[in-house]
Amino acid sequence: MKKNKKNILNNKRVQGATLLEVLVSVFIMAFGIMALMLAQLKSVGTVREAEMQTRVAQAVQNLAEGMLSNPDIRTQPQDVTRYTGYEKSGNLNLSGSTNITKCSGARASVINCHRDNFEADLRRALPGASTITYTIGKDGTVTVAWKEVNDNDTFDFSYSLQVGS
């Protein structure tokens, strides 16, 4: 009988070790799944940032096409292309219009139309932005900067393009 008791005790110890192995493997698997979820969340954030950059790049490109079609060319000792009338800088009113209009008429009205369409493009491109600032220079440099707030974190982004170079 003593032999039987000893075998029963050994079996219980083995069963406890198996349970411990299962618990450790579940624990390791849970950490692996959490790591995969973290990688997926990081990937989604990166894709969202790339989408915002692409939308802003498209808005700036649309403005650049308008500027290229309506330059101010002056003949001096060397030909200089300027984009006078387009220059503007400041904060964008986020509650403004998002409608695009067809530009025609005199040069000044076409310039105003291009700028208004640019602002509408930015409003549509960055609906979650807390602040949008932009600068359009006489030399054709267009710079856009914006802030996105996600939970308690603030992220700063910017995009710049030199028109006609």
C-alpha atoms as a PDB file:
ATOM      1  CA  MET A   1       0.000   0.000   0.000  1.00  0.00           C
ATOM      2  CA  LYS A   2       2.769   2.367   0.690  1.00  0.00           C
ATOM      3  CA  LYS A   3       3.791   2.134  -2.915  1.00  0.00           C
ATOM      4  CA  ASN A   4       0.356   3.202  -4.075  1.00  0.00           C
ATOM      5  CA  LYS A   5       0.341   6.250  -1.822  1.00  0.00           C
ATOM      6  CA  LYS A   6       3.708   7.272  -3.115  1.00  0.00           C
ATOM      7  CA  ASN A   7       2.560   6.998  -6.745  1.00  0.00           C
ATOM      8  CA  ILE A   8      -0.554   9.031  -6.020  1.00  0.00           C
ATOM      9  CA  LEU A   9       1.536  11.808  -4.454  1.00  0.00           C
ATOM     10  CA  ASN A  10       3.902  11.861  -7.433  1.00  0.00           C
ATOM     11  CA  ASN A  11       0.978  12.125  -9.858  1.00  0.00           C
ATOM     12  CA  LYS A  12      -0.407  15.126  -7.978  1.00  0.00           C
ATOM     13  CA  ARG A  13       2.950  16.880  -8.170  1.00  0.00           C
ATOM     14  CA  VAL A  14       3.127  16.280 -11.915  1.00  0.00           C
ATOM     15  CA  GLN A  15      -0.410  17.590 -12.364  1.00  0.00           C
ATOM     16  CA  GLY A  16       0.512  20.792 -10.489  1.00  0.00           C
ATOM     17  CA  ALA A  17       3.577  21.279 -12.676  1.00  0.00           C
ATOM     18  CA  THR A  18       1.446  20.906 -15.792  1.00  0.00           C
ATOM     19  CA  LEU A  19      -0.980  23.523 -14.488  1.00  0.00           C
ATOM     20  CA  LEU A  20       1.931  25.874 -13.823  1.00  0.00           C
ATOM     21  CA  GLU A  21       3.256  25.352 -17.361  1.00  0.00           C
ATOM     22  CA  VAL A  22      -0.167  26.162 -18.807  1.00  0.00           C
ATOM     23  CA  LEU A  23      -0.419  29.349 -16.722  1.00  0.00           C
ATOM     24  CA  VAL A  24       3.037  30.499 -17.847  1.00  0.00           C
ATOM     25  CA  SER A  25       2.250  29.804 -21.513  1.00  0.00           C
ATOM     26  CA  VAL A  26      -1.063  31.719 -21.263  1.00  0.00           C
ATOM     27  CA  PHE A  27       0.787  34.623 -19.638  1.00  0.00           C
ATOM     28  CA  ILE A  28       3.398  34.683 -22.427  1.00  0.00           C
ATOM     29  CA  MET A  29       0.703  34.434 -25.109  1.00  0.00           C
ATOM     30  CA  ALA A  30      -1.206  37.353 -23.537  1.00  0.00           C
ATOM     31  CA  PHE A  31       1.906  39.533 -23.711  1.00  0.00           C
ATOM     32  CA  GLY A  32       2.414  38.540 -27.348  1.00  0.00           C
ATOM     33  CA  ILE A  33      -1.154  39.497 -28.227  1.00  0.00           C
ATOM     34  CA  MET A  34      -0.776  42.832 -26.424  1.00  0.00           C
ATOM     35  CA  ALA A  35       2.427  43.516 -28.383  1.00  0.00           C
ATOM     36  CA  LEU A  36       0.601  42.816 -31.656  1.00  0.00           C
ATOM     37  CA  MET A  37      -2.227  45.160 -30.637  1.00  0.00           C
ATOM     38  CA  LEU A  38       0.279  47.906 -29.819  1.00  0.00           C
ATOM     39  CA  ALA A  39       1.945  47.482 -33.205  1.00  0.00           C
ATOM     40  CA  GLN A  40      -1.457  47.691 -34.916  1.00  0.00           C
ATOM     41  CA  LEU A  41      -2.389  50.889 -33.036  1.00  0.00           C
ATOM     42  CA  LYS A  42       0.944  52.483 -33.938  1.00  0.00           C
ATOM     43  CA  SER A  43       0.406  51.520 -37.568  1.00  0.00           C
ATOM     44  CA  VAL A  44      -3.063  53.107 -37.621  1.00  0.00           C
ATOM     45  CA  GLY A  45      -1.636  56.348 -36.167  1.00  0.00           C
ATOM     46  CA  THR A  46       1.090  56.454 -38.799  1.00  0.00           C
ATOM     47  CA  VAL A  47      -1.401  55.892 -41.620  1.00  0.00           C
ATOM     48  CA  ARG A  48      -3.593  58.721 -40.285  1.00  0.00           C
ATOM     49  CA  GLU A  49      -0.621  61.115 -40.196  1.00  0.00           C
ATOM     50  CA  ALA A  50       0.307  60.168 -43.764  1.00  0.00           C
ATOM     51  CA  GLU A  51      -3.276  60.791 -44.878  1.00  0.00           C
ATOM     52  CA  MET A  52      -3.248  64.286 -43.333  1.00  0.00           C
ATOM     53  CA  GLN A  53       0.071  65.109 -45.001  1.00  0.00           C
ATOM     54  CA  THR A  54      -1.282  63.913 -48.352  1.00  0.00           C
ATOM     55  CA  ARG A  55      -4.450  65.999 -48.054  1.00  0.00           C
ATOM     56  CA  VAL A  56      -2.471  69.138 -47.169  1.00  0.00           C
ATOM     57  CA  ALA A  57      -0.037  68.461 -50.012  1.00  0.00           C
ATOM     58  CA  GLN A  58      -2.979  68.245 -52.422  1.00  0.00           C
ATOM     59  CA  ALA A  59      -4.437  71.552 -51.157  1.00  0.00           C
ATOM     60  CA  VAL A  60      -1.056  73.281 -51.509  1.00  0.00           C
ATOM     61  CA  GLN A  61      -0.574  71.757 -54.965  1.00  0.00           C
ATOM     62  CA  ASN A  62      -3.969  73.100 -56.064  1.00  0.00           C
ATOM     63  CA  LEU A  63      -2.942  76.591 -54.905  1.00  0.00           C
ATOM     64  CA  ALA A  64       0.438  76.231 -56.640  1.00  0.00           C
ATOM     65  CA  GLU A  65      -1.285  75.376 -59.927  1.00  0.00           C
ATOM     66  CA  GLY A  66      -3.397  78.515 -59.595  1.00  0.00           C
ATOM     67  CA  MET A  67      -0.320  80.603 -58.808  1.00  0.00           C
ATOM     68  CA  LEU A  68       1.553  79.202 -61.799  1.00  0.00           C
ATOM     69  CA  SER A  69      -1.342  80.074 -64.076  1.00  0.00           C
ATOM     70  CA  ASN A  70      -1.469  83.663 -62.775  1.00  0.00           C
ATOM     71  CA  PRO A  71       2.084  84.946 -62.063  1.00  0.00           C
ATOM     72  CA  ASP A  72       3.326  88.539 -61.957  1.00  0.00           C
ATOM     73  CA  ILE A  73       6.259  88.606 -64.400  1.00  0.00           C
ATOM     74  CA  ARG A  74       8.453  91.678 -64.474  1.00  0.00           C
ATOM     75  CA  THR A  75      11.259  92.278 -66.907  1.00  0.00           C
ATOM     76  CA  GLN A  76      14.312  93.719 -65.238  1.00  0.00           C
ATOM     77  CA  PRO A  77      17.998  93.061 -65.759  1.00  0.00           C
ATOM     78  CA  GLN A  78      16.873  89.500 -65.191  1.00  0.00           C
ATOM     79  CA  ASP A  79      13.386  88.096 -65.507  1.00  0.00           C
ATOM     80  CA  VAL A  80      11.833  87.603 -62.084  1.00  0.00           C
ATOM     81  CA  THR A  81       8.640  85.687 -61.463  1.00  0.00           C
ATOM     82  CA  ARG A  82       6.745  86.907 -58.434  1.00  0.00           C
ATOM     83  CA  TYR A  83       3.357  86.022 -57.085  1.00  0.00           C
ATOM     84  CA  THR A  84       2.285  89.428 -55.816  1.00  0.00           C
ATOM     85  CA  GLY A  85      -1.269  89.564 -54.593  1.00  0.00           C
ATOM     86  CA  TYR A  86      -1.128  85.990 -53.302  1.00  0.00           C
ATOM     87  CA  GLU A  87       0.953  86.798 -50.226  1.00  0.00           C
ATOM     88  CA  LYS A  88      -0.956  86.214 -47.022  1.00  0.00           C
ATOM     89  CA  SER A  89      -0.281  84.698 -43.629  1.00  0.00           C
ATOM     90  CA  GLY A  90      -2.126  84.048 -40.430  1.00  0.00           C
ATOM     91  CA  ASN A  91      -4.453  81.650 -38.662  1.00  0.00           C
ATOM     92  CA  LEU A  92      -7.178  79.973 -40.659  1.00  0.00           C
ATOM     93  CA  ASN A  93     -10.748  80.433 -39.434  1.00  0.00           C
ATOM     94  CA  LEU A  94     -11.797  76.815 -38.908  1.00  0.00           C
ATOM     95  CA  SER A  95     -15.514  77.576 -39.097  1.00  0.00           C
ATOM     96  CA  GLY A  96     -15.367  79.101 -42.589  1.00  0.00           C
ATOM     97  CA  SER A  97     -16.738  77.735 -45.840  1.00  0.00           C
ATOM     98  CA  THR A  98     -15.597  74.457 -47.392  1.00  0.00           C
ATOM     99  CA  ASN A  99     -17.151  75.190 -50.791  1.00  0.00           C
ATOM    100  CA  ILE A 100     -14.950  75.446 -53.884  1.00  0.00           C
ATOM    101  CA  THR A 101     -15.770  78.101 -56.478  1.00  0.00           C
ATOM    102  CA  LYS A 102     -14.732  78.467 -60.102  1.00  0.00           C
ATOM    103  CA  CYS A 103     -12.182  81.255 -60.543  1.00  0.00           C
ATOM    104  CA  SER A 104     -12.593  83.787 -63.342  1.00  0.00           C
ATOM    105  CA  GLY A 105     -12.526  87.517 -63.944  1.00  0.00           C
ATOM    106  CA  ALA A 106      -9.828  90.103 -63.310  1.00  0.00           C
ATOM    107  CA  ARG A 107      -6.448  89.103 -61.870  1.00  0.00           C
ATOM    108  CA  ALA A 108      -7.286  90.347 -58.352  1.00  0.00           C
ATOM    109  CA  SER A 109     -10.550  88.393 -58.193  1.00  0.00           C
ATOM    110  CA  VAL A 110      -8.813  85.249 -59.484  1.00  0.00           C
ATOM    111  CA  ILE A 111      -6.142  85.609 -56.776  1.00  0.00           C
ATOM    112  CA  ASN A 112      -8.801  85.990 -54.069  1.00  0.00           C
ATOM    113  CA  CYS A 113     -10.675  83.002 -55.470  1.00  0.00           C
ATOM    114  CA  HIS A 114      -7.509  80.839 -55.434  1.00  0.00           C
ATOM    115  CA  ARG A 115      -6.800  81.799 -51.815  1.00  0.00           C
ATOM    116  CA  ASP A 116     -10.416  81.159 -50.755  1.00  0.00           C
ATOM    117  CA  ASN A 117     -10.373  77.751 -52.443  1.00  0.00           C
ATOM    118  CA  PHE A 118      -7.049  76.989 -50.739  1.00  0.00           C
ATOM    119  CA  GLU A 119      -8.535  77.807 -47.339  1.00  0.00           C
ATOM    120  CA  ALA A 120     -11.602  75.665 -48.094  1.00  0.00           C
ATOM    121  CA  ASP A 121      -9.317  72.780 -49.128  1.00  0.00           C
ATOM    122  CA  LEU A 122      -7.410  73.079 -45.842  1.00  0.00           C
ATOM    123  CA  ARG A 123     -10.619  73.073 -43.795  1.00  0.00           C
ATOM    124  CA  ARG A 124     -11.762  69.894 -45.535  1.00  0.00           C
ATOM    125  CA  ALA A 125      -8.318  68.284 -45.335  1.00  0.00           C
ATOM    126  CA  LEU A 126      -7.863  68.870 -41.596  1.00  0.00           C
ATOM    127  CA  PRO A 127     -11.236  68.533 -39.862  1.00  0.00           C
ATOM    128  CA  GLY A 128      -9.652  67.495 -36.548  1.00  0.00           C
ATOM    129  CA  ALA A 129      -7.030  70.243 -36.394  1.00  0.00           C
ATOM    130  CA  SER A 130      -7.136  72.624 -33.450  1.00  0.00           C
ATOM    131  CA  THR A 131      -5.048  75.319 -35.174  1.00  0.00           C
ATOM    132  CA  ILE A 132      -4.094  75.869 -38.823  1.00  0.00           C
ATOM    133  CA  THR A 133      -1.674  78.606 -39.881  1.00  0.00           C
ATOM    134  CA  TYR A 134      -0.325  79.253 -43.339  1.00  0.00           C
ATOM    135  CA  THR A 135       1.967  81.631 -45.170  1.00  0.00           C
ATOM    136  CA  ILE A 136       2.021  82.422 -48.884  1.00  0.00           C
ATOM    137  CA  GLY A 137       5.083  84.453 -49.857  1.00  0.00           C
ATOM    138  CA  LYS A 138       5.733  86.678 -52.893  1.00  0.00           C
ATOM    139  CA  ASP A 139       8.520  84.326 -53.909  1.00  0.00           C
ATOM    140  CA  GLY A 140       6.070  81.423 -54.142  1.00  0.00           C
ATOM    141  CA  THR A 141       6.797  79.670 -50.867  1.00  0.00           C
ATOM    142  CA  VAL A 142       3.674  78.133 -49.339  1.00  0.00           C
ATOM    143  CA  THR A 143       3.923  76.845 -45.762  1.00  0.00           C
ATOM    144  CA  VAL A 144       1.135  75.228 -43.745  1.00  0.00           C
ATOM    145  CA  ALA A 145       1.398  74.300 -40.052  1.00  0.00           C
ATOM    146  CA  TRP A 146      -1.302  72.677 -37.945  1.00  0.00           C
ATOM    147  CA  LYS A 147      -1.869  71.105 -34.546  1.00  0.00           C
ATOM    148  CA  GLU A 148      -3.803  67.931 -33.868  1.00  0.00           C
ATOM    149  CA  VAL A 149      -4.963  67.045 -30.366  1.00  0.00           C
ATOM    150  CA  ASN A 150      -5.406  63.380 -29.513  1.00  0.00           C
ATOM    151  CA  ASP A 151      -6.516  62.709 -25.932  1.00  0.00           C
ATOM    152  CA  ASN A 152      -4.065  64.813 -23.914  1.00  0.00           C
ATOM    153  CA  ASP A 153      -1.287  64.849 -26.521  1.00  0.00           C
ATOM    154  CA  THR A 154      -0.705  67.675 -29.003  1.00  0.00           C
ATOM    155  CA  PHE A 155       1.066  66.946 -32.273  1.00  0.00           C
ATOM    156  CA  ASP A 156       2.584  69.643 -34.519  1.00  0.00           C
ATOM    157  CA  PHE A 157       2.778  69.119 -38.280  1.00  0.00           C
ATOM    158  CA  SER A 158       3.978  71.289 -41.148  1.00  0.00           C
ATOM    159  CA  TYR A 159       4.230  71.198 -44.914  1.00  0.00           C
ATOM    160  CA  SER A 160       6.103  73.551 -47.238  1.00  0.00           C
ATOM    161  CA  LEU A 161       6.326  73.927 -51.016  1.00  0.00           C
ATOM    162  CA  GLN A 162       8.295  76.243 -53.292  1.00  0.00           C
ATOM    163  CA  VAL A 163       6.126  77.092 -56.306  1.00  0.00           C
ATOM    164  CA  GLY A 164       7.799  77.221 -59.698  1.00  0.00           C
ATOM    165  CA  SER A 165      11.182  75.825 -58.788  1.00  0.00           C
END
